[in-house]
Amino acid sequence: MFVFEDIITMDDRSVQRFLRECNPRDLVLALKGSNNDVAHKIFSNMSSRMAQSIRDDLDITTNVRIRDVEEAQQRIVSVIRDLEEKNELIIIKGGKDEIIA
């Protein structure tokens, strides 16, 4: 079962691919409740302009309900799953799949 924190296991191209499909507001809410590793993985795979915009929004977004954070994270996970079903990105599942780059 893929969860939001599993983004850190994804390759950079896959992260870049799903970021193009995500609502920026969902990214802000999801990052509000994420750990530094996930945030670093996401920020390192977006343009500096978009990263700065998301960081600015994170700074001004306060008093967020945990339910809203979890729902945003679920929407992002749904985007990732949809893209995987369409074979537009790869989720590595516990070493079962071998990848040839």
PDB file of N, CA and C in Angstrom:
ATOM      1  N   MET A   1       0.847  -1.195   0.000  1.00  0.00           N
ATOM      2  CA  MET A   1       0.000   0.000   0.000  1.00  0.00           C
ATOM      3  C   MET A   1       0.879   1.241   0.000  1.00  0.00           C
ATOM      4  N   PHE A   2       0.740   2.053  -1.007  1.00  0.00           N
ATOM      5  CA  PHE A   2       1.525   3.270  -1.141  1.00  0.00           C
ATOM      6  C   PHE A   2       0.904   4.369  -0.289  1.00  0.00           C
ATOM      7  N   VAL A   3       1.724   5.022   0.525  1.00  0.00           N
ATOM      8  CA  VAL A   3       1.269   6.154   1.335  1.00  0.00           C
ATOM      9  C   VAL A   3       2.111   7.381   0.993  1.00  0.00           C
ATOM     10  N   PHE A   4       1.667   8.533   1.429  1.00  0.00           N
ATOM     11  CA  PHE A   4       2.313   9.796   1.067  1.00  0.00           C
ATOM     12  C   PHE A   4       3.804   9.802   1.381  1.00  0.00           C
ATOM     13  N   GLU A   5       4.186   9.257   2.526  1.00  0.00           N
ATOM     14  CA  GLU A   5       5.597   9.261   2.931  1.00  0.00           C
ATOM     15  C   GLU A   5       6.477   8.411   2.012  1.00  0.00           C
ATOM     16  N   ASP A   6       5.858   7.505   1.240  1.00  0.00           N
ATOM     17  CA  ASP A   6       6.607   6.661   0.303  1.00  0.00           C
ATOM     18  C   ASP A   6       7.136   7.436  -0.903  1.00  0.00           C
ATOM     19  N   ILE A   7       6.766   8.685  -1.019  1.00  0.00           N
ATOM     20  CA  ILE A   7       7.282   9.518  -2.113  1.00  0.00           C
ATOM     21  C   ILE A   7       8.808   9.526  -2.100  1.00  0.00           C
ATOM     22  N   ILE A   8       9.410   9.423  -0.932  1.00  0.00           N
ATOM     23  CA  ILE A   8      10.877   9.462  -0.855  1.00  0.00           C
ATOM     24  C   ILE A   8      11.522   8.277  -1.555  1.00  0.00           C
ATOM     25  N   THR A   9      10.777   7.197  -1.793  1.00  0.00           N
ATOM     26  CA  THR A   9      11.331   6.025  -2.478  1.00  0.00           C
ATOM     27  C   THR A   9      11.204   6.120  -3.996  1.00  0.00           C
ATOM     28  N   MET A  10      10.498   7.134  -4.477  1.00  0.00           N
ATOM     29  CA  MET A  10      10.265   7.256  -5.919  1.00  0.00           C
ATOM     30  C   MET A  10      11.472   7.880  -6.617  1.00  0.00           C
ATOM     31  N   ASP A  11      11.639   7.523  -7.893  1.00  0.00           N
ATOM     32  CA  ASP A  11      12.713   8.145  -8.654  1.00  0.00           C
ATOM     33  C   ASP A  11      12.306   9.578  -9.023  1.00  0.00           C
ATOM     34  N   ASP A  12      13.296  10.414  -9.330  1.00  0.00           N
ATOM     35  CA  ASP A  12      13.048  11.839  -9.569  1.00  0.00           C
ATOM     36  C   ASP A  12      12.094  12.081 -10.738  1.00  0.00           C
ATOM     37  N   ARG A  13      12.227  11.324 -11.800  1.00  0.00           N
ATOM     38  CA  ARG A  13      11.330  11.525 -12.957  1.00  0.00           C
ATOM     39  C   ARG A  13       9.878  11.271 -12.594  1.00  0.00           C
ATOM     40  N   SER A  14       9.649  10.250 -11.796  1.00  0.00           N
ATOM     41  CA  SER A  14       8.280   9.944 -11.378  1.00  0.00           C
ATOM     42  C   SER A  14       7.723  11.057 -10.494  1.00  0.00           C
ATOM     43  N   VAL A  15       8.554  11.586  -9.612  1.00  0.00           N
ATOM     44  CA  VAL A  15       8.115  12.696  -8.757  1.00  0.00           C
ATOM     45  C   VAL A  15       7.773  13.907  -9.622  1.00  0.00           C
ATOM     46  N   GLN A  16       8.645  14.217 -10.571  1.00  0.00           N
ATOM     47  CA  GLN A  16       8.390  15.349 -11.462  1.00  0.00           C
ATOM     48  C   GLN A  16       7.097  15.146 -12.243  1.00  0.00           C
ATOM     49  N   ARG A  17       6.830  13.909 -12.648  1.00  0.00           N
ATOM     50  CA  ARG A  17       5.625  13.614 -13.428  1.00  0.00           C
ATOM     51  C   ARG A  17       4.364  13.853 -12.605  1.00  0.00           C
ATOM     52  N   PHE A  18       4.322  13.337 -11.374  1.00  0.00           N
ATOM     53  CA  PHE A  18       3.085  13.519 -10.613  1.00  0.00           C
ATOM     54  C   PHE A  18       2.917  14.959 -10.143  1.00  0.00           C
ATOM     55  N   LEU A  19       4.030  15.676  -9.933  1.00  0.00           N
ATOM     56  CA  LEU A  19       3.907  17.073  -9.505  1.00  0.00           C
ATOM     57  C   LEU A  19       3.186  17.925 -10.545  1.00  0.00           C
ATOM     58  N   ARG A  20       3.349  17.583 -11.814  1.00  0.00           N
ATOM     59  CA  ARG A  20       2.664  18.334 -12.881  1.00  0.00           C
ATOM     60  C   ARG A  20       1.151  18.188 -12.792  1.00  0.00           C
ATOM     61  N   GLU A  21       0.690  17.110 -12.165  1.00  0.00           N
ATOM     62  CA  GLU A  21      -0.747  16.839 -12.076  1.00  0.00           C
ATOM     63  C   GLU A  21      -1.382  17.310 -10.768  1.00  0.00           C
ATOM     64  N   CYS A  22      -0.565  17.696  -9.796  1.00  0.00           N
ATOM     65  CA  CYS A  22      -1.079  18.044  -8.469  1.00  0.00           C
ATOM     66  C   CYS A  22      -1.541  19.492  -8.389  1.00  0.00           C
ATOM     67  N   ASN A  23      -2.581  19.687  -7.629  1.00  0.00           N
ATOM     68  CA  ASN A  23      -3.054  21.018  -7.310  1.00  0.00           C
ATOM     69  C   ASN A  23      -2.055  21.642  -6.325  1.00  0.00           C
ATOM     70  N   PRO A  24      -1.548  22.847  -6.613  1.00  0.00           N
ATOM     71  CA  PRO A  24      -0.587  23.482  -5.693  1.00  0.00           C
ATOM     72  C   PRO A  24      -1.126  23.634  -4.270  1.00  0.00           C
ATOM     73  N   ARG A  25      -2.413  23.859  -4.125  1.00  0.00           N
ATOM     74  CA  ARG A  25      -3.005  23.991  -2.788  1.00  0.00           C
ATOM     75  C   ARG A  25      -2.907  22.662  -2.023  1.00  0.00           C
ATOM     76  N   ASP A  26      -3.115  21.547  -2.740  1.00  0.00           N
ATOM     77  CA  ASP A  26      -2.953  20.238  -2.108  1.00  0.00           C
ATOM     78  C   ASP A  26      -1.513  20.024  -1.669  1.00  0.00           C
ATOM     79  N   LEU A  27      -0.562  20.472  -2.479  1.00  0.00           N
ATOM     80  CA  LEU A  27       0.848  20.334  -2.109  1.00  0.00           C
ATOM     81  C   LEU A  27       1.149  21.105  -0.825  1.00  0.00           C
ATOM     82  N   VAL A  28       0.619  22.316  -0.735  1.00  0.00           N
ATOM     83  CA  VAL A  28       0.851  23.129   0.464  1.00  0.00           C
ATOM     84  C   VAL A  28       0.287  22.427   1.698  1.00  0.00           C
ATOM     85  N   LEU A  29      -0.955  21.982   1.609  1.00  0.00           N
ATOM     86  CA  LEU A  29      -1.574  21.316   2.763  1.00  0.00           C
ATOM     87  C   LEU A  29      -0.856  20.015   3.104  1.00  0.00           C
ATOM     88  N   ALA A  30      -0.511  19.232   2.085  1.00  0.00           N
ATOM     89  CA  ALA A  30       0.151  17.947   2.322  1.00  0.00           C
ATOM     90  C   ALA A  30       1.525  18.145   2.955  1.00  0.00           C
ATOM     91  N   LEU A  31       2.257  19.146   2.492  1.00  0.00           N
ATOM     92  CA  LEU A  31       3.589  19.408   3.036  1.00  0.00           C
ATOM     93  C   LEU A  31       3.530  19.953   4.456  1.00  0.00           C
ATOM     94  N   LYS A  32       2.423  20.574   4.800  1.00  0.00           N
ATOM     95  CA  LYS A  32       2.265  21.111   6.150  1.00  0.00           C
ATOM     96  C   LYS A  32       2.370  19.987   7.184  1.00  0.00           C
ATOM     97  N   GLY A  33       1.951  18.782   6.817  1.00  0.00           N
ATOM     98  CA  GLY A  33       1.986  17.676   7.757  1.00  0.00           C
ATOM     99  C   GLY A  33       3.011  16.610   7.415  1.00  0.00           C
ATOM    100  N   SER A  34       3.967  16.935   6.551  1.00  0.00           N
ATOM    101  CA  SER A  34       4.946  15.919   6.139  1.00  0.00           C
ATOM    102  C   SER A  34       6.278  16.105   6.867  1.00  0.00           C
ATOM    103  N   ASN A  35       7.121  15.102   6.743  1.00  0.00           N
ATOM    104  CA  ASN A  35       8.448  15.205   7.342  1.00  0.00           C
ATOM    105  C   ASN A  35       9.422  15.882   6.373  1.00  0.00           C
ATOM    106  N   ASN A  36      10.605  16.215   6.868  1.00  0.00           N
ATOM    107  CA  ASN A  36      11.585  16.948   6.056  1.00  0.00           C
ATOM    108  C   ASN A  36      12.066  16.164   4.845  1.00  0.00           C
ATOM    109  N   ASP A  37      12.158  14.840   4.960  1.00  0.00           N
ATOM    110  CA  ASP A  37      12.622  14.027   3.833  1.00  0.00           C
ATOM    111  C   ASP A  37      11.667  14.115   2.647  1.00  0.00           C
ATOM    112  N   VAL A  38      10.373  14.026   2.934  1.00  0.00           N
ATOM    113  CA  VAL A  38       9.369  14.119   1.868  1.00  0.00           C
ATOM    114  C   VAL A  38       9.400  15.517   1.259  1.00  0.00           C
ATOM    115  N   ALA A  39       9.449  16.536   2.099  1.00  0.00           N
ATOM    116  CA  ALA A  39       9.485  17.913   1.601  1.00  0.00           C
ATOM    117  C   ALA A  39      10.711  18.135   0.721  1.00  0.00           C
ATOM    118  N   HIS A  40      11.855  17.629   1.149  1.00  0.00           N
ATOM    119  CA  HIS A  40      13.080  17.796   0.359  1.00  0.00           C
ATOM    120  C   HIS A  40      12.946  17.109  -0.999  1.00  0.00           C
ATOM    121  N   LYS A  41      12.396  15.908  -1.016  1.00  0.00           N
ATOM    122  CA  LYS A  41      12.222  15.170  -2.271  1.00  0.00           C
ATOM    123  C   LYS A  41      11.311  15.929  -3.223  1.00  0.00           C
ATOM    124  N   ILE A  42      10.253  16.489  -2.700  1.00  0.00           N
ATOM    125  CA  ILE A  42       9.309  17.227  -3.542  1.00  0.00           C
ATOM    126  C   ILE A  42       9.930  18.528  -4.032  1.00  0.00           C
ATOM    127  N   PHE A  43      10.519  19.309  -3.124  1.00  0.00           N
ATOM    128  CA  PHE A  43      11.102  20.593  -3.523  1.00  0.00           C
ATOM    129  C   PHE A  43      12.257  20.427  -4.502  1.00  0.00           C
ATOM    130  N   SER A  44      13.029  19.363  -4.363  1.00  0.00           N
ATOM    131  CA  SER A  44      14.175  19.171  -5.253  1.00  0.00           C
ATOM    132  C   SER A  44      13.757  18.733  -6.655  1.00  0.00           C
ATOM    133  N   ASN A  45      12.482  18.427  -6.837  1.00  0.00           N
ATOM    134  CA  ASN A  45      11.998  17.988  -8.145  1.00  0.00           C
ATOM    135  C   ASN A  45      11.012  18.967  -8.779  1.00  0.00           C
ATOM    136  N   MET A  46      11.024  20.198  -8.324  1.00  0.00           N
ATOM    137  CA  MET A  46      10.197  21.224  -8.956  1.00  0.00           C
ATOM    138  C   MET A  46      11.067  22.434  -9.279  1.00  0.00           C
ATOM    139  N   SER A  47      10.551  23.266 -10.129  1.00  0.00           N
ATOM    140  CA  SER A  47      11.304  24.461 -10.507  1.00  0.00           C
ATOM    141  C   SER A  47      11.518  25.340  -9.281  1.00  0.00           C
ATOM    142  N   SER A  48      12.569  26.139  -9.316  1.00  0.00           N
ATOM    143  CA  SER A  48      12.852  27.011  -8.177  1.00  0.00           C
ATOM    144  C   SER A  48      11.720  28.016  -7.966  1.00  0.00           C
ATOM    145  N   ARG A  49      11.094  28.438  -9.045  1.00  0.00           N
ATOM    146  CA  ARG A  49       9.988  29.386  -8.933  1.00  0.00           C
ATOM    147  C   ARG A  49       8.780  28.744  -8.235  1.00  0.00           C
ATOM    148  N   MET A  50       8.445  27.529  -8.648  1.00  0.00           N
ATOM    149  CA  MET A  50       7.321  26.833  -8.015  1.00  0.00           C
ATOM    150  C   MET A  50       7.650  26.515  -6.565  1.00  0.00           C
ATOM    151  N   ALA A  51       8.879  26.083  -6.300  1.00  0.00           N
ATOM    152  CA  ALA A  51       9.290  25.765  -4.926  1.00  0.00           C
ATOM    153  C   ALA A  51       9.157  26.991  -4.032  1.00  0.00           C
ATOM    154  N   GLN A  52       9.573  28.144  -4.536  1.00  0.00           N
ATOM    155  CA  GLN A  52       9.472  29.369  -3.744  1.00  0.00           C
ATOM    156  C   GLN A  52       8.015  29.742  -3.493  1.00  0.00           C
ATOM    157  N   SER A  53       7.177  29.561  -4.495  1.00  0.00           N
ATOM    158  CA  SER A  53       5.754  29.855  -4.343  1.00  0.00           C
ATOM    159  C   SER A  53       5.131  28.948  -3.282  1.00  0.00           C
ATOM    160  N   ILE A  54       5.451  27.659  -3.327  1.00  0.00           N
ATOM    161  CA  ILE A  54       4.925  26.710  -2.332  1.00  0.00           C
ATOM    162  C   ILE A  54       5.453  27.063  -0.943  1.00  0.00           C
ATOM    163  N   ARG A  55       6.748  27.394  -0.843  1.00  0.00           N
ATOM    164  CA  ARG A  55       7.319  27.774   0.468  1.00  0.00           C
ATOM    165  C   ARG A  55       6.636  29.029   1.019  1.00  0.00           C
ATOM    166  N   ASP A  56       6.397  30.007   0.145  1.00  0.00           N
ATOM    167  CA  ASP A  56       5.700  31.228   0.584  1.00  0.00           C
ATOM    168  C   ASP A  56       4.313  30.894   1.107  1.00  0.00           C
ATOM    169  N   ASP A  57       3.593  30.026   0.382  1.00  0.00           N
ATOM    170  CA  ASP A  57       2.256  29.626   0.818  1.00  0.00           C
ATOM    171  C   ASP A  57       2.312  28.854   2.139  1.00  0.00           C
ATOM    172  N   LEU A  58       3.349  28.023   2.299  1.00  0.00           N
ATOM    173  CA  LEU A  58       3.508  27.287   3.560  1.00  0.00           C
ATOM    174  C   LEU A  58       3.705  28.244   4.731  1.00  0.00           C
ATOM    175  N   ASP A  59       4.454  29.331   4.496  1.00  0.00           N
ATOM    176  CA  ASP A  59       4.727  30.299   5.560  1.00  0.00           C
ATOM    177  C   ASP A  59       3.463  31.012   6.023  1.00  0.00           C
ATOM    178  N   ILE A  60       2.556  31.270   5.088  1.00  0.00           N
ATOM    179  CA  ILE A  60       1.357  32.039   5.458  1.00  0.00           C
ATOM    180  C   ILE A  60       0.166  31.147   5.821  1.00  0.00           C
ATOM    181  N   THR A  61       0.297  29.847   5.590  1.00  0.00           N
ATOM    182  CA  THR A  61      -0.784  28.921   5.918  1.00  0.00           C
ATOM    183  C   THR A  61      -0.616  28.447   7.356  1.00  0.00           C
ATOM    184  N   THR A  62      -1.567  28.839   8.193  1.00  0.00           N
ATOM    185  CA  THR A  62      -1.505  28.460   9.606  1.00  0.00           C
ATOM    186  C   THR A  62      -2.835  27.843  10.028  1.00  0.00           C
ATOM    187  N   ASN A  63      -2.817  27.225  11.186  1.00  0.00           N
ATOM    188  CA  ASN A  63      -4.022  26.630  11.768  1.00  0.00           C
ATOM    189  C   ASN A  63      -4.745  25.705  10.790  1.00  0.00           C
ATOM    190  N   VAL A  64      -4.021  24.704  10.323  1.00  0.00           N
ATOM    191  CA  VAL A  64      -4.577  23.745   9.372  1.00  0.00           C
ATOM    192  C   VAL A  64      -5.066  22.527  10.133  1.00  0.00           C
ATOM    193  N   ARG A  65      -6.253  22.061   9.795  1.00  0.00           N
ATOM    194  CA  ARG A  65      -6.790  20.863  10.434  1.00  0.00           C
ATOM    195  C   ARG A  65      -6.055  19.625   9.909  1.00  0.00           C
ATOM    196  N   ILE A  66      -5.793  18.693  10.792  1.00  0.00           N
ATOM    197  CA  ILE A  66      -5.119  17.449  10.412  1.00  0.00           C
ATOM    198  C   ILE A  66      -5.931  16.733   9.337  1.00  0.00           C
ATOM    199  N   ARG A  67      -7.234  16.779   9.448  1.00  0.00           N
ATOM    200  CA  ARG A  67      -8.099  16.133   8.451  1.00  0.00           C
ATOM    201  C   ARG A  67      -7.846  16.723   7.064  1.00  0.00           C
ATOM    202  N   ASP A  68      -7.671  18.045   6.973  1.00  0.00           N
ATOM    203  CA  ASP A  68      -7.402  18.685   5.682  1.00  0.00           C
ATOM    204  C   ASP A  68      -6.050  18.254   5.113  1.00  0.00           C
ATOM    205  N   VAL A  69      -5.062  18.119   5.993  1.00  0.00           N
ATOM    206  CA  VAL A  69      -3.729  17.661   5.573  1.00  0.00           C
ATOM    207  C   VAL A  69      -3.826  16.237   5.037  1.00  0.00           C
ATOM    208  N   GLU A  70      -4.496  15.367   5.779  1.00  0.00           N
ATOM    209  CA  GLU A  70      -4.622  13.970   5.367  1.00  0.00           C
ATOM    210  C   GLU A  70      -5.393  13.837   4.058  1.00  0.00           C
ATOM    211  N   GLU A  71      -6.439  14.647   3.876  1.00  0.00           N
ATOM    212  CA  GLU A  71      -7.210  14.594   2.634  1.00  0.00           C
ATOM    213  C   GLU A  71      -6.373  15.055   1.453  1.00  0.00           C
ATOM    214  N   ALA A  72      -5.564  16.092   1.637  1.00  0.00           N
ATOM    215  CA  ALA A  72      -4.682  16.569   0.566  1.00  0.00           C
ATOM    216  C   ALA A  72      -3.651  15.505   0.220  1.00  0.00           C
ATOM    217  N   GLN A  73      -3.097  14.861   1.237  1.00  0.00           N
ATOM    218  CA  GLN A  73      -2.124  13.795   0.989  1.00  0.00           C
ATOM    219  C   GLN A  73      -2.774  12.648   0.229  1.00  0.00           C
ATOM    220  N   GLN A  74      -4.009  12.314   0.565  1.00  0.00           N
ATOM    221  CA  GLN A  74      -4.725  11.242  -0.133  1.00  0.00           C
ATOM    222  C   GLN A  74      -4.990  11.605  -1.588  1.00  0.00           C
ATOM    223  N   ARG A  75      -5.323  12.864  -1.855  1.00  0.00           N
ATOM    224  CA  ARG A  75      -5.543  13.291  -3.247  1.00  0.00           C
ATOM    225  C   ARG A  75      -4.259  13.149  -4.057  1.00  0.00           C
ATOM    226  N   ILE A  76      -3.128  13.480  -3.444  1.00  0.00           N
ATOM    227  CA  ILE A  76      -1.842  13.344  -4.132  1.00  0.00           C
ATOM    228  C   ILE A  76      -1.520  11.867  -4.369  1.00  0.00           C
ATOM    229  N   VAL A  77      -1.760  11.030  -3.377  1.00  0.00           N
ATOM    230  CA  VAL A  77      -1.536   9.589  -3.540  1.00  0.00           C
ATOM    231  C   VAL A  77      -2.443   9.049  -4.647  1.00  0.00           C
ATOM    232  N   SER A  78      -3.663   9.553  -4.741  1.00  0.00           N
ATOM    233  CA  SER A  78      -4.570   9.117  -5.808  1.00  0.00           C
ATOM    234  C   SER A  78      -4.032   9.493  -7.182  1.00  0.00           C
ATOM    235  N   VAL A  79      -3.448  10.682  -7.297  1.00  0.00           N
ATOM    236  CA  VAL A  79      -2.827  11.099  -8.558  1.00  0.00           C
ATOM    237  C   VAL A  79      -1.698  10.142  -8.916  1.00  0.00           C
ATOM    238  N   ILE A  80      -0.873   9.813  -7.926  1.00  0.00           N
ATOM    239  CA  ILE A  80       0.251   8.904  -8.150  1.00  0.00           C
ATOM    240  C   ILE A  80      -0.252   7.532  -8.594  1.00  0.00           C
ATOM    241  N   ARG A  81      -1.258   7.008  -7.931  1.00  0.00           N
ATOM    242  CA  ARG A  81      -1.805   5.694  -8.291  1.00  0.00           C
ATOM    243  C   ARG A  81      -2.396   5.703  -9.697  1.00  0.00           C
ATOM    244  N   ASP A  82      -3.116   6.773 -10.044  1.00  0.00           N
ATOM    245  CA  ASP A  82      -3.688   6.874 -11.389  1.00  0.00           C
ATOM    246  C   ASP A  82      -2.597   6.871 -12.449  1.00  0.00           C
ATOM    247  N   LEU A  83      -1.528   7.622 -12.203  1.00  0.00           N
ATOM    248  CA  LEU A  83      -0.433   7.672 -13.159  1.00  0.00           C
ATOM    249  C   LEU A  83       0.281   6.327 -13.253  1.00  0.00           C
ATOM    250  N   GLU A  84       0.360   5.611 -12.144  1.00  0.00           N
ATOM    251  CA  GLU A  84       0.981   4.288 -12.194  1.00  0.00           C
ATOM    252  C   GLU A  84       0.119   3.328 -13.012  1.00  0.00           C
ATOM    253  N   GLU A  85      -1.188   3.390 -12.841  1.00  0.00           N
ATOM    254  CA  GLU A  85      -2.083   2.529 -13.612  1.00  0.00           C
ATOM    255  C   GLU A  85      -1.952   2.790 -15.116  1.00  0.00           C
ATOM    256  N   LYS A  86      -1.666   4.031 -15.479  1.00  0.00           N
ATOM    257  CA  LYS A  86      -1.491   4.405 -16.884  1.00  0.00           C
ATOM    258  C   LYS A  86      -0.057   4.164 -17.361  1.00  0.00           C
ATOM    259  N   ASN A  87       0.774   3.588 -16.482  1.00  0.00           N
ATOM    260  CA  ASN A  87       2.193   3.328 -16.779  1.00  0.00           C
ATOM    261  C   ASN A  87       2.970   4.596 -17.112  1.00  0.00           C
ATOM    262  N   GLU A  88       2.602   5.705 -16.468  1.00  0.00           N
ATOM    263  CA  GLU A  88       3.307   6.964 -16.692  1.00  0.00           C
ATOM    264  C   GLU A  88       4.368   7.214 -15.624  1.00  0.00           C
ATOM    265  N   LEU A  89       4.349   6.405 -14.573  1.00  0.00           N
ATOM    266  CA  LEU A  89       5.406   6.440 -13.563  1.00  0.00           C
ATOM    267  C   LEU A  89       5.477   5.083 -12.893  1.00  0.00           C
ATOM    268  N   ILE A  90       6.545   4.881 -12.138  1.00  0.00           N
ATOM    269  CA  ILE A  90       6.783   3.584 -11.516  1.00  0.00           C
ATOM    270  C   ILE A  90       6.875   3.758 -10.004  1.00  0.00           C
ATOM    271  N   ILE A  91       6.149   2.897  -9.297  1.00  0.00           N
ATOM    272  CA  ILE A  91       6.264   2.822  -7.851  1.00  0.00           C
ATOM    273  C   ILE A  91       6.975   1.523  -7.543  1.00  0.00           C
ATOM    274  N   ILE A  92       8.104   1.590  -6.860  1.00  0.00           N
ATOM    275  CA  ILE A  92       8.859   0.395  -6.520  1.00  0.00           C
ATOM    276  C   ILE A  92       8.218  -0.235  -5.285  1.00  0.00           C
ATOM    277  N   LYS A  93       7.842  -1.487  -5.417  1.00  0.00           N
ATOM    278  CA  LYS A  93       7.099  -2.168  -4.352  1.00  0.00           C
ATOM    279  C   LYS A  93       7.968  -3.208  -3.667  1.00  0.00           C
ATOM    280  N   GLY A  94       8.658  -2.828  -2.636  1.00  0.00           N
ATOM    281  CA  GLY A  94       9.367  -3.765  -1.783  1.00  0.00           C
ATOM    282  C   GLY A  94      10.339  -4.697  -2.478  1.00  0.00           C
ATOM    283  N   GLY A  95      10.993  -4.226  -3.513  1.00  0.00           N
ATOM    284  CA  GLY A  95      12.020  -5.021  -4.175  1.00  0.00           C
ATOM    285  C   GLY A  95      11.477  -6.105  -5.096  1.00  0.00           C
ATOM    286  N   LYS A  96      10.155  -6.187  -5.297  1.00  0.00           N
ATOM    287  CA  LYS A  96       9.589  -7.199  -6.167  1.00  0.00           C
ATOM    288  C   LYS A  96       9.838  -6.900  -7.641  1.00  0.00           C
ATOM    289  N   ASP A  97       9.892  -5.605  -7.968  1.00  0.00           N
ATOM    290  CA  ASP A  97      10.098  -5.205  -9.359  1.00  0.00           C
ATOM    291  C   ASP A  97      11.540  -4.793  -9.564  1.00  0.00           C
ATOM    292  N   GLU A  98      12.136  -5.277 -10.634  1.00  0.00           N
ATOM    293  CA  GLU A  98      13.465  -4.824 -10.987  1.00  0.00           C
ATOM    294  C   GLU A  98      13.330  -3.825 -12.113  1.00  0.00           C
ATOM    295  N   ILE A  99      14.074  -2.747 -12.019  1.00  0.00           N
ATOM    296  CA  ILE A  99      13.985  -1.655 -12.976  1.00  0.00           C
ATOM    297  C   ILE A  99      15.274  -1.589 -13.774  1.00  0.00           C
ATOM    298  N   ILE A 100      15.124  -1.432 -15.092  1.00  0.00           N
ATOM    299  CA  ILE A 100      16.274  -1.196 -15.958  1.00  0.00           C
ATOM    300  C   ILE A 100      16.172   0.242 -16.427  1.00  0.00           C
ATOM    301  N   ALA A 101      17.188   1.023 -16.083  1.00  0.00           N
ATOM    302  CA  ALA A 101      17.160   2.446 -16.429  1.00  0.00           C
ATOM    303  C   ALA A 101      17.594   2.663 -17.859  1.00  0.00           C
TER     304      ALA A 101
END
